[in-house]
Amino acid sequence: MKKSILIVLLIALLAVAVGVSGCLGGDDANNTTNNSTNNSTNNTTNATPNATFNNSSVIIESLPSGYELLAVKEVTADKENIDGVTDALNGFSASYAAGSSNVYLSAFQTENNSSAQAYVQSMIDAHNAKYPNSGNVTTVTVHDHNATLITTNVTSGGSTVERYTLAWASGDKLVVVNGPATYDQIKAIAEASDL
């Protein structure tokens, strides 16, 4: 008898704990909080993509030889693990296979070109804070305009390898190209894009 009462009490306690924690959702399950003190640039709040900004922005029609489009998805920047970008900017990301490597082309809607440039600067600042004096931030040319190249050394399979991120402002879009790939593979996707 004591055992069955204990089980009933444990189930009731578990039900109350789940209900209080909000784990089962409810009306506010999909609400997001915009805490402007935690934003990387504090100059935009979840900008809504305009009518001309859709997933075709990250789809490359004429892929370089050896590349294949794997998937396109709608994303928010804060969920894409981009150092320095913590805002929930709406965007799209395309995954491309380049041999055994993957390259990700992402574009995020911002308020304007200045805002997009501020996000690139936030990425640079985050990298420099994490790796002071690394000298691994340079300017390169993509589509006849400047892009920021951030190089990071990571350990993969017991070896140290370089990872590359290209970022630039394209109008009111923040464009990021990265992935576990060579610099040439990253740059090929960046240059093949229309961004």
N, C-alpha and C. Protein backbone atom coordinates (compact mmCIF):
# COMPACT_ATOMS: atom_id res chain seq x y z
N MET A 1 0.81 -1.19 0.00
CA MET A 1 0.00 0.00 0.00
C MET A 1 0.86 1.26 0.00
N LYS A 2 1.91 1.26 0.87
CA LYS A 2 2.79 2.42 0.93
C LYS A 2 3.49 2.63 -0.41
N LYS A 3 3.84 1.54 -1.07
CA LYS A 3 4.54 1.62 -2.34
C LYS A 3 3.66 2.27 -3.41
N SER A 4 2.38 1.92 -3.47
CA SER A 4 1.48 2.50 -4.47
C SER A 4 1.20 3.97 -4.16
N ILE A 5 1.14 4.35 -2.90
CA ILE A 5 0.93 5.76 -2.53
C ILE A 5 2.17 6.56 -2.94
N LEU A 6 3.35 6.00 -2.70
CA LEU A 6 4.59 6.67 -3.07
C LEU A 6 4.66 6.86 -4.58
N ILE A 7 4.27 5.88 -5.34
CA ILE A 7 4.27 5.98 -6.80
C ILE A 7 3.30 7.06 -7.26
N VAL A 8 2.12 7.09 -6.71
CA VAL A 8 1.11 8.10 -7.05
C VAL A 8 1.63 9.49 -6.71
N LEU A 9 2.26 9.66 -5.55
CA LEU A 9 2.81 10.95 -5.16
C LEU A 9 3.93 11.37 -6.10
N LEU A 10 4.79 10.45 -6.50
CA LEU A 10 5.87 10.77 -7.43
C LEU A 10 5.32 11.19 -8.80
N ILE A 11 4.29 10.52 -9.27
CA ILE A 11 3.68 10.88 -10.55
C ILE A 11 3.04 12.26 -10.45
N ALA A 12 2.36 12.54 -9.34
CA ALA A 12 1.73 13.85 -9.14
C ALA A 12 2.80 14.94 -9.07
N LEU A 13 3.89 14.68 -8.35
CA LEU A 13 4.99 15.64 -8.25
C LEU A 13 5.61 15.89 -9.62
N LEU A 14 5.81 14.85 -10.40
CA LEU A 14 6.35 14.99 -11.75
C LEU A 14 5.42 15.81 -12.63
N ALA A 15 4.13 15.57 -12.55
CA ALA A 15 3.15 16.32 -13.35
C ALA A 15 3.16 17.80 -12.98
N VAL A 16 3.26 18.10 -11.69
CA VAL A 16 3.30 19.49 -11.24
C VAL A 16 4.59 20.15 -11.72
N ALA A 17 5.72 19.45 -11.62
CA ALA A 17 7.01 20.00 -12.05
C ALA A 17 7.01 20.30 -13.55
N VAL A 18 6.48 19.40 -14.35
CA VAL A 18 6.41 19.62 -15.80
C VAL A 18 5.48 20.78 -16.11
N GLY A 19 4.36 20.85 -15.45
CA GLY A 19 3.41 21.93 -15.68
C GLY A 19 3.98 23.29 -15.32
N VAL A 20 4.69 23.38 -14.21
CA VAL A 20 5.27 24.64 -13.77
C VAL A 20 6.42 25.06 -14.68
N SER A 21 7.20 24.09 -15.16
CA SER A 21 8.38 24.41 -15.98
C SER A 21 8.00 24.92 -17.36
N GLY A 22 6.81 24.63 -17.83
CA GLY A 22 6.39 25.06 -19.16
C GLY A 22 6.87 24.13 -20.26
N CYS A 23 7.38 22.97 -19.90
CA CYS A 23 7.90 22.03 -20.89
C CYS A 23 6.85 21.53 -21.86
N LEU A 24 5.61 21.58 -21.48
CA LEU A 24 4.58 21.08 -22.38
C LEU A 24 4.00 22.16 -23.27
N GLY A 25 4.59 23.33 -23.28
CA GLY A 25 4.16 24.37 -24.22
C GLY A 25 3.10 25.26 -23.64
N GLY A 26 1.98 25.34 -24.30
CA GLY A 26 0.94 26.26 -23.90
C GLY A 26 0.90 27.41 -24.88
N ASP A 27 0.15 28.45 -24.56
CA ASP A 27 -0.03 29.57 -25.47
C ASP A 27 1.25 30.33 -25.75
N ASP A 28 2.20 30.33 -24.80
CA ASP A 28 3.40 31.11 -25.02
C ASP A 28 4.59 30.26 -25.47
N ALA A 29 4.38 29.04 -25.91
CA ALA A 29 5.48 28.14 -26.28
C ALA A 29 6.30 28.66 -27.44
N ASN A 30 5.71 29.37 -28.36
CA ASN A 30 6.45 29.84 -29.53
C ASN A 30 6.82 31.32 -29.45
N ASN A 31 6.56 31.95 -28.32
CA ASN A 31 6.93 33.35 -28.18
C ASN A 31 8.42 33.47 -27.96
N THR A 32 9.01 34.54 -28.47
CA THR A 32 10.42 34.80 -28.23
C THR A 32 10.54 36.10 -27.47
N THR A 33 11.62 36.20 -26.75
CA THR A 33 11.89 37.40 -25.99
C THR A 33 13.00 38.15 -26.67
N ASN A 34 12.82 39.42 -26.89
CA ASN A 34 13.88 40.24 -27.46
C ASN A 34 14.49 41.05 -26.34
N ASN A 35 15.62 40.59 -25.85
CA ASN A 35 16.31 41.26 -24.78
C ASN A 35 17.39 42.12 -25.40
N SER A 36 17.12 43.40 -25.57
CA SER A 36 18.04 44.26 -26.30
C SER A 36 19.37 44.41 -25.60
N THR A 37 19.47 44.06 -24.32
CA THR A 37 20.76 44.14 -23.65
C THR A 37 21.65 42.96 -24.03
N ASN A 38 21.09 41.94 -24.67
CA ASN A 38 21.87 40.78 -25.06
C ASN A 38 22.10 40.73 -26.57
N ASN A 39 21.72 41.74 -27.30
CA ASN A 39 21.91 41.75 -28.75
C ASN A 39 23.33 42.12 -29.09
N SER A 40 23.84 41.58 -30.19
CA SER A 40 25.22 41.84 -30.56
C SER A 40 25.41 43.26 -31.05
N THR A 41 24.42 43.84 -31.70
CA THR A 41 24.58 45.21 -32.19
C THR A 41 23.50 46.15 -31.69
N ASN A 42 22.43 45.61 -31.14
CA ASN A 42 21.32 46.41 -30.61
C ASN A 42 20.70 47.35 -31.63
N ASN A 43 20.83 47.05 -32.92
CA ASN A 43 20.27 47.98 -33.89
C ASN A 43 19.20 47.32 -34.76
N THR A 44 18.80 46.13 -34.45
CA THR A 44 17.72 45.51 -35.19
C THR A 44 17.02 44.50 -34.30
N THR A 45 15.75 44.30 -34.55
CA THR A 45 15.02 43.33 -33.76
C THR A 45 14.21 42.44 -34.69
N ASN A 46 14.79 41.31 -35.01
CA ASN A 46 14.07 40.30 -35.77
C ASN A 46 13.46 40.86 -37.05
N ALA A 47 14.28 41.49 -37.87
CA ALA A 47 13.80 42.10 -39.11
C ALA A 47 13.07 41.07 -39.95
N THR A 48 11.94 41.43 -40.49
CA THR A 48 11.15 40.54 -41.32
C THR A 48 11.67 40.59 -42.75
N PRO A 49 11.90 39.41 -43.36
CA PRO A 49 12.38 39.44 -44.73
C PRO A 49 11.42 40.20 -45.65
N ASN A 50 11.99 40.97 -46.58
CA ASN A 50 11.13 41.70 -47.51
C ASN A 50 10.67 40.76 -48.63
N ALA A 51 9.82 41.23 -49.48
CA ALA A 51 9.20 40.38 -50.50
C ALA A 51 10.22 39.77 -51.46
N THR A 52 11.34 40.43 -51.69
CA THR A 52 12.33 39.88 -52.62
C THR A 52 13.35 38.99 -51.93
N PHE A 53 13.28 38.88 -50.62
CA PHE A 53 14.21 38.04 -49.88
C PHE A 53 13.54 36.72 -49.58
N ASN A 54 13.99 35.67 -50.25
CA ASN A 54 13.44 34.35 -50.03
C ASN A 54 14.55 33.33 -50.19
N ASN A 55 14.20 32.05 -50.13
CA ASN A 55 15.25 31.03 -50.15
C ASN A 55 16.04 31.01 -51.46
N SER A 56 15.52 31.59 -52.51
CA SER A 56 16.29 31.63 -53.76
C SER A 56 17.53 32.51 -53.63
N SER A 57 17.57 33.35 -52.60
CA SER A 57 18.74 34.19 -52.37
C SER A 57 19.99 33.37 -52.11
N VAL A 58 19.85 32.17 -51.56
CA VAL A 58 21.01 31.33 -51.24
C VAL A 58 21.15 30.13 -52.17
N ILE A 59 20.28 30.05 -53.17
CA ILE A 59 20.37 28.96 -54.14
C ILE A 59 21.20 29.44 -55.32
N ILE A 60 22.27 28.73 -55.60
CA ILE A 60 23.16 29.08 -56.70
C ILE A 60 22.74 28.28 -57.93
N GLU A 61 22.34 29.00 -58.96
CA GLU A 61 21.86 28.34 -60.19
C GLU A 61 22.99 27.66 -60.96
N SER A 62 24.11 28.33 -61.08
CA SER A 62 25.25 27.78 -61.82
C SER A 62 26.36 27.42 -60.84
N LEU A 63 26.23 26.23 -60.28
CA LEU A 63 27.22 25.79 -59.30
C LEU A 63 28.56 25.49 -59.97
N PRO A 64 29.65 25.77 -59.26
CA PRO A 64 30.96 25.36 -59.79
C PRO A 64 31.01 23.84 -59.93
N SER A 65 31.84 23.36 -60.80
CA SER A 65 32.00 21.93 -61.02
C SER A 65 32.40 21.24 -59.71
N GLY A 66 31.76 20.13 -59.42
CA GLY A 66 32.08 19.36 -58.23
C GLY A 66 31.26 19.74 -57.00
N TYR A 67 30.34 20.69 -57.15
CA TYR A 67 29.50 21.11 -56.03
C TYR A 67 28.08 20.64 -56.25
N GLU A 68 27.38 20.37 -55.15
CA GLU A 68 25.99 19.91 -55.23
C GLU A 68 25.19 20.57 -54.11
N LEU A 69 24.00 21.07 -54.45
CA LEU A 69 23.10 21.62 -53.45
C LEU A 69 22.48 20.47 -52.66
N LEU A 70 22.63 20.51 -51.34
CA LEU A 70 22.07 19.45 -50.50
C LEU A 70 20.72 19.83 -49.91
N ALA A 71 20.62 21.06 -49.38
CA ALA A 71 19.39 21.46 -48.70
C ALA A 71 19.35 22.97 -48.55
N VAL A 72 18.14 23.50 -48.44
CA VAL A 72 17.92 24.92 -48.14
C VAL A 72 16.90 24.98 -47.01
N LYS A 73 17.18 25.81 -46.02
CA LYS A 73 16.24 25.92 -44.91
C LYS A 73 16.15 27.36 -44.43
N GLU A 74 15.02 27.67 -43.81
CA GLU A 74 14.84 28.97 -43.17
C GLU A 74 15.48 28.89 -41.79
N VAL A 75 16.24 29.92 -41.44
CA VAL A 75 17.00 29.90 -40.19
C VAL A 75 16.92 31.26 -39.50
N THR A 76 17.38 31.29 -38.27
CA THR A 76 17.62 32.56 -37.58
C THR A 76 19.09 32.57 -37.17
N ALA A 77 19.70 33.73 -37.26
CA ALA A 77 21.14 33.86 -37.05
C ALA A 77 21.59 33.38 -35.68
N ASP A 78 20.77 33.61 -34.66
CA ASP A 78 21.18 33.22 -33.31
C ASP A 78 21.28 31.71 -33.13
N LYS A 79 20.70 30.94 -34.01
CA LYS A 79 20.75 29.48 -33.92
C LYS A 79 21.82 28.87 -34.84
N GLU A 80 22.57 29.71 -35.55
CA GLU A 80 23.55 29.23 -36.52
C GLU A 80 24.99 29.23 -36.00
N ASN A 81 25.17 29.50 -34.73
CA ASN A 81 26.51 29.47 -34.12
C ASN A 81 27.51 30.37 -34.83
N ILE A 82 27.10 31.58 -35.12
CA ILE A 82 27.99 32.56 -35.74
C ILE A 82 28.49 33.46 -34.62
N ASP A 83 29.78 33.36 -34.31
CA ASP A 83 30.35 34.18 -33.24
C ASP A 83 30.08 35.65 -33.51
N GLY A 84 29.55 36.34 -32.49
CA GLY A 84 29.29 37.76 -32.59
C GLY A 84 27.89 38.12 -33.04
N VAL A 85 27.11 37.14 -33.47
CA VAL A 85 25.74 37.42 -33.91
C VAL A 85 24.79 36.66 -33.00
N THR A 86 24.15 37.40 -32.10
CA THR A 86 23.25 36.77 -31.14
C THR A 86 21.79 37.14 -31.39
N ASP A 87 21.54 38.03 -32.34
CA ASP A 87 20.17 38.42 -32.64
C ASP A 87 19.48 37.36 -33.49
N ALA A 88 18.18 37.27 -33.36
CA ALA A 88 17.38 36.29 -34.11
C ALA A 88 17.02 36.86 -35.48
N LEU A 89 18.02 37.16 -36.28
CA LEU A 89 17.76 37.67 -37.63
C LEU A 89 17.20 36.56 -38.50
N ASN A 90 16.14 36.85 -39.23
CA ASN A 90 15.56 35.87 -40.14
C ASN A 90 16.45 35.72 -41.37
N GLY A 91 16.53 34.50 -41.86
CA GLY A 91 17.34 34.28 -43.05
C GLY A 91 17.15 32.90 -43.63
N PHE A 92 18.02 32.59 -44.58
CA PHE A 92 18.00 31.30 -45.25
C PHE A 92 19.41 30.78 -45.33
N SER A 93 19.56 29.47 -45.28
CA SER A 93 20.87 28.84 -45.37
C SER A 93 20.79 27.68 -46.35
N ALA A 94 21.78 27.60 -47.22
CA ALA A 94 21.88 26.50 -48.16
C ALA A 94 23.13 25.70 -47.85
N SER A 95 23.01 24.38 -47.90
CA SER A 95 24.15 23.49 -47.69
C SER A 95 24.59 22.96 -49.04
N TYR A 96 25.88 23.09 -49.30
CA TYR A 96 26.46 22.60 -50.55
C TYR A 96 27.53 21.57 -50.24
N ALA A 97 27.54 20.47 -50.99
CA ALA A 97 28.60 19.47 -50.87
C ALA A 97 29.68 19.81 -51.87
N ALA A 98 30.91 19.73 -51.39
CA ALA A 98 32.08 19.93 -52.24
C ALA A 98 33.01 18.75 -51.95
N GLY A 99 32.82 17.67 -52.70
CA GLY A 99 33.54 16.44 -52.37
C GLY A 99 33.04 15.93 -51.03
N SER A 100 33.97 15.71 -50.10
CA SER A 100 33.56 15.24 -48.77
C SER A 100 33.35 16.39 -47.79
N SER A 101 33.43 17.62 -48.27
CA SER A 101 33.25 18.80 -47.42
C SER A 101 31.88 19.42 -47.62
N ASN A 102 31.45 20.18 -46.63
CA ASN A 102 30.20 20.93 -46.73
C ASN A 102 30.48 22.41 -46.58
N VAL A 103 29.79 23.21 -47.41
CA VAL A 103 29.90 24.66 -47.36
C VAL A 103 28.49 25.20 -47.15
N TYR A 104 28.35 26.16 -46.24
CA TYR A 104 27.05 26.74 -45.92
C TYR A 104 27.03 28.19 -46.37
N LEU A 105 26.04 28.54 -47.17
CA LEU A 105 25.82 29.91 -47.62
C LEU A 105 24.55 30.40 -46.93
N SER A 106 24.71 31.42 -46.07
CA SER A 106 23.58 31.95 -45.32
C SER A 106 23.43 33.44 -45.59
N ALA A 107 22.19 33.90 -45.64
CA ALA A 107 21.90 35.33 -45.79
C ALA A 107 20.83 35.68 -44.78
N PHE A 108 21.05 36.78 -44.05
CA PHE A 108 20.15 37.21 -42.99
C PHE A 108 19.68 38.62 -43.26
N GLN A 109 18.39 38.85 -43.08
CA GLN A 109 17.78 40.17 -43.28
C GLN A 109 18.14 41.08 -42.11
N THR A 110 18.66 42.28 -42.40
CA THR A 110 18.90 43.28 -41.37
C THR A 110 18.10 44.53 -41.74
N GLU A 111 18.22 45.57 -40.96
CA GLU A 111 17.47 46.80 -41.21
C GLU A 111 17.94 47.53 -42.46
N ASN A 112 19.27 47.59 -42.65
CA ASN A 112 19.84 48.33 -43.78
C ASN A 112 21.31 47.93 -43.93
N ASN A 113 22.01 48.53 -44.88
CA ASN A 113 23.40 48.18 -45.13
C ASN A 113 24.28 48.47 -43.93
N SER A 114 24.04 49.58 -43.25
CA SER A 114 24.84 49.91 -42.05
C SER A 114 24.68 48.85 -40.97
N SER A 115 23.47 48.36 -40.81
CA SER A 115 23.20 47.31 -39.84
C SER A 115 23.93 46.02 -40.22
N ALA A 116 23.88 45.66 -41.50
CA ALA A 116 24.58 44.46 -41.96
C ALA A 116 26.09 44.60 -41.73
N GLN A 117 26.63 45.77 -42.00
CA GLN A 117 28.06 46.00 -41.76
C GLN A 117 28.39 45.93 -40.28
N ALA A 118 27.47 46.39 -39.44
CA ALA A 118 27.68 46.33 -37.99
C ALA A 118 27.76 44.88 -37.51
N TYR A 119 26.97 44.00 -38.12
CA TYR A 119 27.04 42.58 -37.76
C TYR A 119 28.38 41.98 -38.17
N VAL A 120 28.90 42.34 -39.33
CA VAL A 120 30.22 41.87 -39.74
C VAL A 120 31.25 42.33 -38.71
N GLN A 121 31.15 43.59 -38.29
CA GLN A 121 32.09 44.10 -37.28
C GLN A 121 31.93 43.35 -35.96
N SER A 122 30.70 42.98 -35.59
CA SER A 122 30.47 42.20 -34.37
C SER A 122 31.15 40.83 -34.46
N MET A 123 31.14 40.25 -35.66
CA MET A 123 31.82 38.96 -35.86
C MET A 123 33.33 39.13 -35.68
N ILE A 124 33.87 40.21 -36.23
CA ILE A 124 35.31 40.48 -36.10
C ILE A 124 35.64 40.70 -34.62
N ASP A 125 34.85 41.51 -33.93
CA ASP A 125 35.10 41.80 -32.52
C ASP A 125 35.05 40.52 -31.68
N ALA A 126 34.08 39.65 -31.94
CA ALA A 126 33.96 38.40 -31.19
C ALA A 126 35.18 37.51 -31.43
N HIS A 127 35.62 37.44 -32.68
CA HIS A 127 36.80 36.63 -32.99
C HIS A 127 38.03 37.20 -32.28
N ASN A 128 38.21 38.51 -32.35
CA ASN A 128 39.38 39.13 -31.73
C ASN A 128 39.35 39.00 -30.21
N ALA A 129 38.17 39.01 -29.61
CA ALA A 129 38.06 38.82 -28.16
C ALA A 129 38.42 37.38 -27.77
N LYS A 130 38.03 36.45 -28.62
CA LYS A 130 38.29 35.03 -28.34
C LYS A 130 39.74 34.66 -28.65
N TYR A 131 40.31 35.26 -29.69
CA TYR A 131 41.67 34.97 -30.13
C TYR A 131 42.45 36.27 -30.29
N PRO A 132 42.82 36.92 -29.19
CA PRO A 132 43.51 38.21 -29.31
C PRO A 132 44.86 38.06 -30.02
N ASN A 133 45.17 39.04 -30.83
CA ASN A 133 46.45 39.09 -31.56
C ASN A 133 46.67 37.90 -32.48
N SER A 134 45.59 37.26 -32.94
CA SER A 134 45.77 36.10 -33.82
C SER A 134 46.12 36.51 -35.24
N GLY A 135 45.72 37.72 -35.64
CA GLY A 135 45.97 38.16 -37.00
C GLY A 135 45.19 37.37 -38.04
N ASN A 136 44.16 36.67 -37.60
CA ASN A 136 43.41 35.80 -38.50
C ASN A 136 42.15 36.45 -39.07
N VAL A 137 42.12 37.77 -39.14
CA VAL A 137 41.02 38.48 -39.77
C VAL A 137 41.62 39.33 -40.87
N THR A 138 41.19 39.08 -42.09
CA THR A 138 41.72 39.83 -43.23
C THR A 138 40.58 40.25 -44.14
N THR A 139 40.89 41.13 -45.06
CA THR A 139 39.92 41.57 -46.06
C THR A 139 40.29 40.93 -47.39
N VAL A 140 39.29 40.34 -48.05
CA VAL A 140 39.47 39.73 -49.37
C VAL A 140 38.41 40.31 -50.30
N THR A 141 38.53 40.03 -51.57
CA THR A 141 37.57 40.52 -52.55
C THR A 141 36.65 39.39 -52.99
N VAL A 142 35.35 39.65 -52.94
CA VAL A 142 34.32 38.74 -53.45
C VAL A 142 33.36 39.60 -54.26
N HIS A 143 33.12 39.24 -55.50
CA HIS A 143 32.21 40.01 -56.36
C HIS A 143 32.60 41.49 -56.45
N ASP A 144 33.85 41.77 -56.56
CA ASP A 144 34.33 43.15 -56.67
C ASP A 144 34.00 44.01 -55.46
N HIS A 145 33.74 43.41 -54.32
CA HIS A 145 33.58 44.18 -53.10
C HIS A 145 34.32 43.47 -51.97
N ASN A 146 34.56 44.19 -50.90
CA ASN A 146 35.32 43.65 -49.77
C ASN A 146 34.48 42.69 -48.94
N ALA A 147 35.12 41.62 -48.52
CA ALA A 147 34.52 40.68 -47.59
C ALA A 147 35.54 40.42 -46.49
N THR A 148 35.07 40.04 -45.34
CA THR A 148 35.94 39.74 -44.22
C THR A 148 36.16 38.24 -44.16
N LEU A 149 37.43 37.85 -44.10
CA LEU A 149 37.81 36.44 -43.95
C LEU A 149 38.29 36.24 -42.52
N ILE A 150 37.62 35.34 -41.81
CA ILE A 150 38.00 35.00 -40.44
C ILE A 150 38.48 33.56 -40.47
N THR A 151 39.74 33.35 -40.05
CA THR A 151 40.33 32.02 -40.02
C THR A 151 40.49 31.59 -38.56
N THR A 152 40.02 30.39 -38.26
CA THR A 152 40.09 29.85 -36.91
C THR A 152 40.74 28.48 -36.96
N ASN A 153 41.62 28.19 -36.02
CA ASN A 153 42.22 26.87 -35.91
C ASN A 153 41.40 26.04 -34.94
N VAL A 154 40.98 24.86 -35.38
CA VAL A 154 40.20 23.96 -34.54
C VAL A 154 40.84 22.58 -34.57
N THR A 155 40.53 21.77 -33.58
CA THR A 155 41.02 20.40 -33.54
C THR A 155 39.93 19.49 -34.08
N SER A 156 40.28 18.72 -35.09
CA SER A 156 39.33 17.80 -35.71
C SER A 156 40.06 16.48 -35.98
N GLY A 157 39.57 15.41 -35.39
CA GLY A 157 40.19 14.11 -35.59
C GLY A 157 41.61 14.06 -35.05
N GLY A 158 41.89 14.83 -34.00
CA GLY A 158 43.22 14.82 -33.41
C GLY A 158 44.22 15.74 -34.07
N SER A 159 43.82 16.39 -35.16
CA SER A 159 44.70 17.31 -35.87
C SER A 159 44.15 18.72 -35.82
N THR A 160 45.05 19.70 -35.88
CA THR A 160 44.62 21.09 -35.95
C THR A 160 44.39 21.45 -37.41
N VAL A 161 43.20 21.96 -37.69
CA VAL A 161 42.85 22.35 -39.05
C VAL A 161 42.30 23.77 -39.03
N GLU A 162 42.39 24.44 -40.15
CA GLU A 162 41.85 25.79 -40.26
C GLU A 162 40.41 25.74 -40.74
N ARG A 163 39.57 26.59 -40.15
CA ARG A 163 38.19 26.77 -40.58
C ARG A 163 38.05 28.21 -41.03
N TYR A 164 37.28 28.41 -42.08
CA TYR A 164 37.18 29.73 -42.70
C TYR A 164 35.74 30.21 -42.68
N THR A 165 35.58 31.51 -42.44
CA THR A 165 34.29 32.16 -42.54
C THR A 165 34.48 33.43 -43.36
N LEU A 166 33.67 33.57 -44.40
CA LEU A 166 33.62 34.81 -45.17
C LEU A 166 32.33 35.51 -44.81
N ALA A 167 32.40 36.81 -44.57
CA ALA A 167 31.19 37.57 -44.22
C ALA A 167 31.25 38.93 -44.89
N TRP A 168 30.09 39.40 -45.36
CA TRP A 168 30.01 40.73 -45.94
C TRP A 168 28.57 41.22 -45.92
N ALA A 169 28.42 42.52 -46.10
CA ALA A 169 27.11 43.13 -46.21
C ALA A 169 26.76 43.23 -47.68
N SER A 170 25.58 42.77 -48.03
CA SER A 170 25.07 42.88 -49.39
C SER A 170 23.73 43.59 -49.30
N GLY A 171 23.76 44.90 -49.49
CA GLY A 171 22.55 45.68 -49.26
C GLY A 171 22.16 45.56 -47.80
N ASP A 172 20.92 45.14 -47.54
CA ASP A 172 20.48 44.99 -46.16
C ASP A 172 20.60 43.54 -45.67
N LYS A 173 21.45 42.76 -46.32
CA LYS A 173 21.66 41.36 -45.95
C LYS A 173 23.05 41.17 -45.34
N LEU A 174 23.12 40.38 -44.29
CA LEU A 174 24.38 39.87 -43.77
C LEU A 174 24.59 38.53 -44.44
N VAL A 175 25.70 38.38 -45.15
CA VAL A 175 26.00 37.13 -45.85
C VAL A 175 27.16 36.45 -45.14
N VAL A 176 27.00 35.15 -44.87
CA VAL A 176 28.04 34.37 -44.20
C VAL A 176 28.22 33.07 -44.98
N VAL A 177 29.47 32.77 -45.32
CA VAL A 177 29.80 31.50 -45.98
C VAL A 177 30.85 30.83 -45.11
N ASN A 178 30.56 29.59 -44.68
CA ASN A 178 31.49 28.88 -43.80
C ASN A 178 31.26 27.38 -43.90
N GLY A 179 31.98 26.65 -43.09
CA GLY A 179 31.81 25.20 -43.05
C GLY A 179 33.14 24.50 -42.94
N PRO A 180 33.08 23.20 -42.70
CA PRO A 180 34.31 22.40 -42.62
C PRO A 180 34.84 22.12 -44.03
N ALA A 181 35.49 23.11 -44.60
CA ALA A 181 35.94 23.03 -45.99
C ALA A 181 37.20 23.87 -46.15
N THR A 182 37.82 23.76 -47.30
CA THR A 182 39.01 24.56 -47.57
C THR A 182 38.61 25.99 -47.90
N TYR A 183 39.58 26.88 -47.85
CA TYR A 183 39.31 28.27 -48.21
C TYR A 183 38.84 28.35 -49.66
N ASP A 184 39.47 27.61 -50.55
CA ASP A 184 39.07 27.65 -51.96
C ASP A 184 37.61 27.21 -52.15
N GLN A 185 37.17 26.21 -51.38
CA GLN A 185 35.78 25.75 -51.48
C GLN A 185 34.81 26.81 -50.94
N ILE A 186 35.20 27.44 -49.84
CA ILE A 186 34.36 28.51 -49.27
C ILE A 186 34.26 29.66 -50.25
N LYS A 187 35.40 30.08 -50.80
CA LYS A 187 35.40 31.23 -51.71
C LYS A 187 34.66 30.91 -53.01
N ALA A 188 34.74 29.68 -53.49
CA ALA A 188 34.03 29.32 -54.73
C ALA A 188 32.52 29.49 -54.58
N ILE A 189 31.98 29.09 -53.44
CA ILE A 189 30.54 29.27 -53.19
C ILE A 189 30.22 30.75 -53.04
N ALA A 190 31.06 31.49 -52.33
CA ALA A 190 30.84 32.93 -52.16
C ALA A 190 30.80 33.63 -53.51
N GLU A 191 31.74 33.31 -54.39
CA GLU A 191 31.80 33.97 -55.69
C GLU A 191 30.71 33.50 -56.63
N ALA A 192 30.22 32.29 -56.46
CA ALA A 192 29.15 31.78 -57.33
C ALA A 192 27.78 32.34 -56.94
N SER A 193 27.68 32.85 -55.71
CA SER A 193 26.39 33.37 -55.24
C SER A 193 26.11 34.72 -55.90
N ASP A 194 24.87 35.15 -55.85
CA ASP A 194 24.48 36.45 -56.38
C ASP A 194 24.45 37.51 -55.29
N LEU A 195 24.98 37.19 -54.15
CA LEU A 195 24.92 38.11 -53.01
C LEU A 195 26.16 38.96 -52.90
